[in-house]
């Protein structure tokens, strides 16, 4: 039993609010949410779903890949309403460090900042005159 689960069990027995248990690891989340299109090996499907292995988008500035995953792109669904900042950070950290990729990880705070910026931008667009 992991420390987080023990702590949660103790909190429940003691009548305390259970702490948030760390999200599943990035690989599991990737397999559940991304591998159907991008494949477990990150190679994608030629002509349909782009590879993530070695992709400049994946290895580049984290803000770009975070925004892409939050908002979707060219047939890719948006995950902004489906996954938490911690889960998205875990997936992106996994992808950026898997296969031939050697990019730094992504922190949940970076996802949160990108999410807030996208929301502010959408609100500003909504205020423009028609």
N, C-alpha and C. Protein backbone atom coordinates (compact mmCIF):
# COMPACT_ATOMS: atom_id res chain seq x y z
N UNK A 1 0.86 -1.18 0.00
CA UNK A 1 0.00 0.00 0.00
C UNK A 1 0.90 1.23 0.00
N UNK A 2 0.62 2.19 -0.88
CA UNK A 2 1.44 3.38 -0.96
C UNK A 2 1.17 4.31 0.20
N UNK A 3 2.09 5.22 0.41
CA UNK A 3 1.95 6.20 1.48
C UNK A 3 0.67 7.00 1.33
N UNK A 4 0.35 7.44 0.11
CA UNK A 4 -0.84 8.26 -0.12
C UNK A 4 -2.11 7.51 0.27
N UNK A 5 -2.16 6.22 -0.08
CA UNK A 5 -3.34 5.43 0.27
C UNK A 5 -3.43 5.20 1.77
N UNK A 6 -2.30 4.96 2.42
CA UNK A 6 -2.29 4.81 3.88
C UNK A 6 -2.78 6.09 4.54
N UNK A 7 -2.29 7.22 4.06
CA UNK A 7 -2.68 8.50 4.62
C UNK A 7 -4.18 8.73 4.43
N UNK A 8 -4.68 8.40 3.26
CA UNK A 8 -6.11 8.56 3.00
C UNK A 8 -6.94 7.65 3.91
N UNK A 9 -6.48 6.41 4.10
CA UNK A 9 -7.19 5.47 4.97
C UNK A 9 -7.19 5.98 6.41
N UNK A 10 -6.05 6.48 6.87
CA UNK A 10 -5.99 7.03 8.22
C UNK A 10 -6.92 8.22 8.36
N UNK A 11 -6.98 9.05 7.34
CA UNK A 11 -7.85 10.23 7.40
C UNK A 11 -9.31 9.81 7.48
N UNK A 12 -9.68 8.77 6.73
CA UNK A 12 -11.07 8.30 6.76
C UNK A 12 -11.41 7.69 8.11
N UNK A 13 -10.51 6.89 8.66
CA UNK A 13 -10.75 6.27 9.96
C UNK A 13 -10.84 7.34 11.05
N UNK A 14 -9.99 8.36 10.93
CA UNK A 14 -9.98 9.42 11.93
C UNK A 14 -11.07 10.46 11.72
N UNK A 15 -11.88 10.30 10.68
CA UNK A 15 -12.95 11.26 10.43
C UNK A 15 -12.48 12.55 9.80
N UNK A 16 -11.26 12.57 9.31
CA UNK A 16 -10.73 13.77 8.67
C UNK A 16 -11.02 13.73 7.18
N UNK A 17 -10.96 14.86 6.55
CA UNK A 17 -11.10 14.90 5.10
C UNK A 17 -9.88 14.23 4.48
N UNK A 18 -10.12 13.37 3.53
CA UNK A 18 -9.02 12.66 2.87
C UNK A 18 -8.26 13.61 1.96
N UNK A 19 -6.92 13.52 1.95
CA UNK A 19 -6.14 14.37 1.07
C UNK A 19 -6.31 13.91 -0.37
N UNK A 20 -6.04 14.80 -1.29
CA UNK A 20 -6.09 14.42 -2.70
C UNK A 20 -4.97 13.44 -2.98
N UNK A 21 -5.31 12.31 -3.56
CA UNK A 21 -4.31 11.31 -3.90
C UNK A 21 -3.72 11.69 -5.24
N UNK A 22 -2.42 11.58 -5.35
CA UNK A 22 -1.73 11.96 -6.58
C UNK A 22 -2.38 11.27 -7.77
N UNK A 23 -2.43 12.00 -8.89
CA UNK A 23 -3.05 11.44 -10.08
C UNK A 23 -2.25 10.23 -10.57
N UNK A 24 -2.90 9.43 -11.37
CA UNK A 24 -2.24 8.27 -11.96
C UNK A 24 -1.02 8.73 -12.73
N UNK A 25 -0.11 7.83 -12.94
CA UNK A 25 1.10 8.22 -13.65
C UNK A 25 0.81 8.59 -15.10
N UNK A 26 1.71 9.36 -15.68
CA UNK A 26 1.53 9.86 -17.03
C UNK A 26 1.38 8.78 -18.08
N UNK A 27 2.09 7.68 -17.91
CA UNK A 27 1.99 6.61 -18.90
C UNK A 27 0.59 6.03 -18.93
N UNK A 28 0.01 5.76 -17.77
CA UNK A 28 -1.35 5.22 -17.71
C UNK A 28 -2.36 6.19 -18.30
N UNK A 29 -2.21 7.46 -17.96
CA UNK A 29 -3.11 8.47 -18.50
C UNK A 29 -2.95 8.59 -20.01
N UNK A 30 -1.72 8.52 -20.50
CA UNK A 30 -1.48 8.55 -21.94
C UNK A 30 -2.16 7.36 -22.61
N UNK A 31 -1.98 6.19 -22.04
CA UNK A 31 -2.58 4.99 -22.62
C UNK A 31 -4.11 5.11 -22.66
N UNK A 32 -4.70 5.68 -21.63
CA UNK A 32 -6.15 5.82 -21.56
C UNK A 32 -6.71 6.91 -22.47
N UNK A 33 -5.95 7.98 -22.71
CA UNK A 33 -6.49 9.14 -23.40
C UNK A 33 -5.89 9.45 -24.76
N UNK A 34 -4.70 8.92 -25.04
CA UNK A 34 -3.98 9.38 -26.23
C UNK A 34 -3.52 8.26 -27.16
N UNK A 35 -3.30 7.07 -26.62
CA UNK A 35 -2.65 6.01 -27.41
C UNK A 35 -3.51 5.47 -28.54
N UNK A 36 -4.83 5.61 -28.46
CA UNK A 36 -5.67 5.11 -29.55
C UNK A 36 -5.32 5.80 -30.86
N UNK A 37 -4.97 7.06 -30.77
CA UNK A 37 -4.61 7.82 -31.98
C UNK A 37 -3.10 7.86 -32.19
N UNK A 38 -2.37 8.21 -31.15
CA UNK A 38 -0.92 8.42 -31.29
C UNK A 38 -0.11 7.16 -31.09
N UNK A 39 -0.78 6.06 -30.73
CA UNK A 39 -0.18 4.74 -30.54
C UNK A 39 0.70 4.68 -29.27
N UNK A 40 0.81 3.52 -28.69
CA UNK A 40 1.57 3.33 -27.46
C UNK A 40 3.05 3.65 -27.66
N UNK A 41 3.53 3.51 -28.90
CA UNK A 41 4.94 3.78 -29.19
C UNK A 41 5.18 5.22 -29.62
N UNK A 42 4.13 6.05 -29.64
CA UNK A 42 4.26 7.46 -30.00
C UNK A 42 4.47 7.71 -31.48
N UNK A 43 4.33 6.69 -32.30
CA UNK A 43 4.60 6.83 -33.74
C UNK A 43 3.40 7.35 -34.53
N UNK A 44 2.20 7.40 -33.92
CA UNK A 44 1.02 7.88 -34.62
C UNK A 44 0.59 6.94 -35.73
N UNK A 45 -0.29 7.42 -36.58
CA UNK A 45 -0.77 6.66 -37.73
C UNK A 45 -0.59 7.57 -38.94
N UNK A 46 0.27 7.16 -39.85
CA UNK A 46 0.61 7.99 -41.00
C UNK A 46 -0.64 8.44 -41.75
N UNK A 47 -0.71 9.75 -41.99
CA UNK A 47 -1.82 10.33 -42.72
C UNK A 47 -3.06 10.60 -41.89
N UNK A 48 -3.07 10.14 -40.65
CA UNK A 48 -4.24 10.33 -39.80
C UNK A 48 -3.91 11.03 -38.48
N UNK A 49 -2.95 10.48 -37.74
CA UNK A 49 -2.60 11.00 -36.42
C UNK A 49 -1.09 11.19 -36.36
N UNK A 50 -0.64 12.40 -36.07
CA UNK A 50 0.81 12.68 -36.11
C UNK A 50 1.58 11.94 -35.03
N UNK A 51 2.85 11.66 -35.32
CA UNK A 51 3.70 11.05 -34.30
C UNK A 51 4.03 12.05 -33.20
N UNK A 52 4.22 11.55 -32.01
CA UNK A 52 4.68 12.36 -30.89
C UNK A 52 6.16 12.11 -30.63
N UNK A 53 6.63 10.95 -31.02
CA UNK A 53 8.04 10.60 -30.87
C UNK A 53 8.88 11.47 -31.80
N UNK A 54 9.71 12.31 -31.22
CA UNK A 54 10.59 13.17 -31.99
C UNK A 54 9.93 14.41 -32.57
N UNK A 55 8.69 14.65 -32.25
CA UNK A 55 7.96 15.79 -32.82
C UNK A 55 8.46 17.11 -32.24
N UNK A 56 8.77 18.08 -33.11
CA UNK A 56 9.22 19.40 -32.62
C UNK A 56 8.19 20.04 -31.68
N UNK A 57 6.90 19.86 -31.95
CA UNK A 57 5.87 20.41 -31.09
C UNK A 57 6.00 19.88 -29.66
N UNK A 58 6.28 18.60 -29.54
CA UNK A 58 6.41 17.95 -28.23
C UNK A 58 7.67 18.40 -27.51
N UNK A 59 8.76 18.53 -28.25
CA UNK A 59 10.06 18.84 -27.65
C UNK A 59 10.29 20.34 -27.47
N UNK A 60 9.43 21.16 -28.07
CA UNK A 60 9.60 22.61 -28.03
C UNK A 60 9.14 23.22 -26.72
N UNK A 61 8.85 24.52 -26.78
CA UNK A 61 8.40 25.22 -25.56
C UNK A 61 7.15 24.55 -24.98
N UNK A 62 7.13 24.31 -23.68
CA UNK A 62 5.99 23.61 -23.08
C UNK A 62 4.66 24.33 -23.29
N UNK A 63 4.66 25.66 -23.33
CA UNK A 63 3.41 26.40 -23.47
C UNK A 63 2.69 26.02 -24.75
N UNK A 64 3.43 25.77 -25.82
CA UNK A 64 2.81 25.45 -27.11
C UNK A 64 2.10 24.10 -27.04
N UNK A 65 2.76 23.08 -26.52
CA UNK A 65 2.15 21.75 -26.45
C UNK A 65 1.02 21.73 -25.42
N UNK A 66 1.17 22.47 -24.34
CA UNK A 66 0.10 22.55 -23.33
C UNK A 66 -1.15 23.15 -23.97
N UNK A 67 -0.99 24.27 -24.67
CA UNK A 67 -2.13 24.93 -25.31
C UNK A 67 -2.78 24.03 -26.35
N UNK A 68 -1.96 23.29 -27.08
CA UNK A 68 -2.49 22.38 -28.10
C UNK A 68 -3.35 21.30 -27.46
N UNK A 69 -2.88 20.72 -26.38
CA UNK A 69 -3.63 19.65 -25.72
C UNK A 69 -4.89 20.21 -25.04
N UNK A 70 -4.80 21.38 -24.46
CA UNK A 70 -5.97 21.98 -23.83
C UNK A 70 -7.07 22.29 -24.85
N UNK A 71 -6.69 22.88 -25.98
CA UNK A 71 -7.66 23.40 -26.94
C UNK A 71 -7.90 22.52 -28.16
N UNK A 72 -7.09 21.50 -28.34
CA UNK A 72 -7.21 20.66 -29.53
C UNK A 72 -6.64 21.34 -30.75
N UNK A 73 -6.56 20.59 -31.84
CA UNK A 73 -5.98 21.15 -33.07
C UNK A 73 -6.17 20.17 -34.22
N UNK A 74 -6.64 20.65 -35.33
CA UNK A 74 -6.72 19.87 -36.57
C UNK A 74 -7.29 18.47 -36.35
N UNK A 75 -8.46 18.39 -35.77
CA UNK A 75 -9.10 17.10 -35.55
C UNK A 75 -8.82 16.49 -34.19
N UNK A 76 -7.83 17.00 -33.49
CA UNK A 76 -7.53 16.50 -32.14
C UNK A 76 -8.53 17.12 -31.17
N UNK A 77 -9.12 16.32 -30.30
CA UNK A 77 -10.08 16.89 -29.36
C UNK A 77 -9.41 17.78 -28.31
N UNK A 78 -10.15 18.70 -27.77
CA UNK A 78 -9.68 19.53 -26.67
C UNK A 78 -9.86 18.75 -25.37
N UNK A 79 -8.87 18.82 -24.51
CA UNK A 79 -8.94 18.11 -23.23
C UNK A 79 -9.14 19.05 -22.05
N UNK A 80 -9.41 20.33 -22.31
CA UNK A 80 -9.53 21.31 -21.23
C UNK A 80 -10.65 21.01 -20.26
N UNK A 81 -11.70 20.36 -20.74
CA UNK A 81 -12.84 20.06 -19.87
C UNK A 81 -12.82 18.64 -19.32
N UNK A 82 -11.86 17.84 -19.78
CA UNK A 82 -11.85 16.42 -19.43
C UNK A 82 -10.77 16.01 -18.43
N UNK A 83 -9.66 16.73 -18.41
CA UNK A 83 -8.53 16.33 -17.56
C UNK A 83 -8.07 17.48 -16.68
N UNK A 84 -7.65 17.14 -15.49
CA UNK A 84 -7.17 18.16 -14.55
C UNK A 84 -5.79 18.66 -14.96
N UNK A 85 -5.37 19.75 -14.34
CA UNK A 85 -4.04 20.29 -14.60
C UNK A 85 -2.97 19.25 -14.25
N UNK A 86 -3.16 18.55 -13.14
CA UNK A 86 -2.18 17.54 -12.72
C UNK A 86 -2.12 16.38 -13.71
N UNK A 87 -3.28 15.93 -14.21
CA UNK A 87 -3.30 14.83 -15.17
C UNK A 87 -2.67 15.24 -16.50
N UNK A 88 -3.00 16.45 -16.98
CA UNK A 88 -2.40 16.92 -18.23
C UNK A 88 -0.90 17.08 -18.09
N UNK A 89 -0.46 17.59 -16.94
CA UNK A 89 0.98 17.74 -16.71
C UNK A 89 1.66 16.37 -16.70
N UNK A 90 1.02 15.39 -16.10
CA UNK A 90 1.59 14.03 -16.05
C UNK A 90 1.71 13.43 -17.45
N UNK A 91 0.65 13.59 -18.26
CA UNK A 91 0.69 13.08 -19.63
C UNK A 91 1.78 13.76 -20.43
N UNK A 92 1.83 15.08 -20.35
CA UNK A 92 2.82 15.81 -21.14
C UNK A 92 4.25 15.53 -20.67
N UNK A 93 4.43 15.37 -19.39
CA UNK A 93 5.76 15.00 -18.88
C UNK A 93 6.16 13.64 -19.42
N UNK A 94 5.22 12.70 -19.42
CA UNK A 94 5.49 11.37 -19.98
C UNK A 94 5.87 11.47 -21.46
N UNK A 95 5.07 12.17 -22.24
CA UNK A 95 5.30 12.27 -23.68
C UNK A 95 6.62 12.99 -23.96
N UNK A 96 6.90 14.06 -23.23
CA UNK A 96 8.12 14.84 -23.48
C UNK A 96 9.39 14.12 -23.06
N UNK A 97 9.24 13.03 -22.29
CA UNK A 97 10.44 12.30 -21.85
C UNK A 97 10.46 10.85 -22.33
N UNK A 98 9.54 10.50 -23.21
CA UNK A 98 9.47 9.11 -23.69
C UNK A 98 10.01 8.98 -25.10
N UNK A 99 10.25 7.72 -25.45
CA UNK A 99 10.74 7.35 -26.78
C UNK A 99 12.05 8.11 -27.04
N UNK A 100 12.15 8.88 -28.11
CA UNK A 100 13.39 9.62 -28.35
C UNK A 100 13.33 11.04 -27.79
N UNK A 101 12.22 11.41 -27.17
CA UNK A 101 12.06 12.76 -26.63
C UNK A 101 12.83 12.90 -25.32
N UNK A 102 13.50 14.01 -25.17
CA UNK A 102 14.27 14.28 -23.95
C UNK A 102 14.01 15.69 -23.45
N UNK A 103 12.77 16.15 -23.52
CA UNK A 103 12.41 17.50 -23.07
C UNK A 103 12.06 17.49 -21.59
N UNK A 104 12.20 18.64 -20.94
CA UNK A 104 11.84 18.73 -19.52
C UNK A 104 10.35 18.49 -19.29
N UNK A 105 10.02 18.11 -18.08
CA UNK A 105 8.63 17.84 -17.71
C UNK A 105 7.80 19.11 -17.65
N UNK A 106 6.51 18.92 -17.43
CA UNK A 106 5.55 20.00 -17.33
C UNK A 106 4.95 19.97 -15.93
N UNK A 107 4.83 21.13 -15.33
CA UNK A 107 4.27 21.24 -13.98
C UNK A 107 2.78 21.59 -14.08
N UNK A 108 1.98 21.12 -13.12
CA UNK A 108 0.56 21.47 -13.12
C UNK A 108 0.33 22.99 -13.15
N UNK A 109 1.21 23.76 -12.51
CA UNK A 109 1.06 25.22 -12.50
C UNK A 109 1.20 25.79 -13.92
N UNK A 110 2.02 25.16 -14.76
CA UNK A 110 2.15 25.62 -16.15
C UNK A 110 0.85 25.37 -16.92
N UNK A 111 0.25 24.22 -16.66
CA UNK A 111 -1.03 23.91 -17.32
C UNK A 111 -2.10 24.87 -16.83
N UNK A 112 -2.13 25.14 -15.55
CA UNK A 112 -3.10 26.06 -14.97
C UNK A 112 -2.96 27.45 -15.58
N UNK A 113 -1.73 27.92 -15.73
CA UNK A 113 -1.49 29.24 -16.32
C UNK A 113 -1.95 29.28 -17.78
N UNK A 114 -1.66 28.23 -18.54
CA UNK A 114 -2.08 28.18 -19.94
C UNK A 114 -3.60 28.11 -20.04
N UNK A 115 -4.21 27.38 -19.14
CA UNK A 115 -5.68 27.26 -19.12
C UNK A 115 -6.31 28.64 -18.84
N UNK A 116 -5.76 29.35 -17.86
CA UNK A 116 -6.27 30.68 -17.51
C UNK A 116 -6.07 31.67 -18.66
N UNK A 117 -4.93 31.60 -19.32
CA UNK A 117 -4.65 32.49 -20.45
C UNK A 117 -5.61 32.22 -21.60
N UNK A 118 -5.88 30.96 -21.88
CA UNK A 118 -6.81 30.61 -22.95
C UNK A 118 -8.22 31.09 -22.63
N UNK A 119 -8.61 30.96 -21.37
CA UNK A 119 -9.95 31.41 -20.96
C UNK A 119 -10.06 32.93 -21.07
N UNK A 120 -9.02 33.65 -20.65
CA UNK A 120 -9.02 35.11 -20.74
C UNK A 120 -9.07 35.56 -22.19
N UNK A 121 -8.34 34.87 -23.05
CA UNK A 121 -8.33 35.20 -24.48
C UNK A 121 -9.72 34.97 -25.08
N UNK A 122 -10.36 33.88 -24.71
CA UNK A 122 -11.70 33.59 -25.22
C UNK A 122 -12.69 34.64 -24.74
N UNK A 123 -12.57 35.06 -23.49
CA UNK A 123 -13.46 36.10 -22.96
C UNK A 123 -13.24 37.42 -23.69
N UNK A 124 -11.99 37.76 -23.98
CA UNK A 124 -11.69 38.99 -24.69
C UNK A 124 -12.27 38.96 -26.09
N UNK A 125 -12.20 37.83 -26.78
CA UNK A 125 -12.79 37.68 -28.11
C UNK A 125 -14.29 37.88 -28.05
N UNK A 126 -14.90 37.40 -26.98
CA UNK A 126 -16.34 37.53 -26.83
C UNK A 126 -16.80 38.96 -26.61
N UNK A 127 -15.89 39.82 -26.18
CA UNK A 127 -16.24 41.22 -25.93
C UNK A 127 -16.07 42.10 -27.17
N UNK A 128 -15.50 41.57 -28.23
CA UNK A 128 -15.27 42.37 -29.44
C UNK A 128 -16.60 42.70 -30.12
N UNK A 129 -16.64 43.89 -30.73
CA UNK A 129 -17.84 44.30 -31.47
C UNK A 129 -18.00 43.47 -32.73
N UNK A 130 -19.21 43.26 -33.14
CA UNK A 130 -19.47 42.45 -34.32
C UNK A 130 -19.62 43.30 -35.54
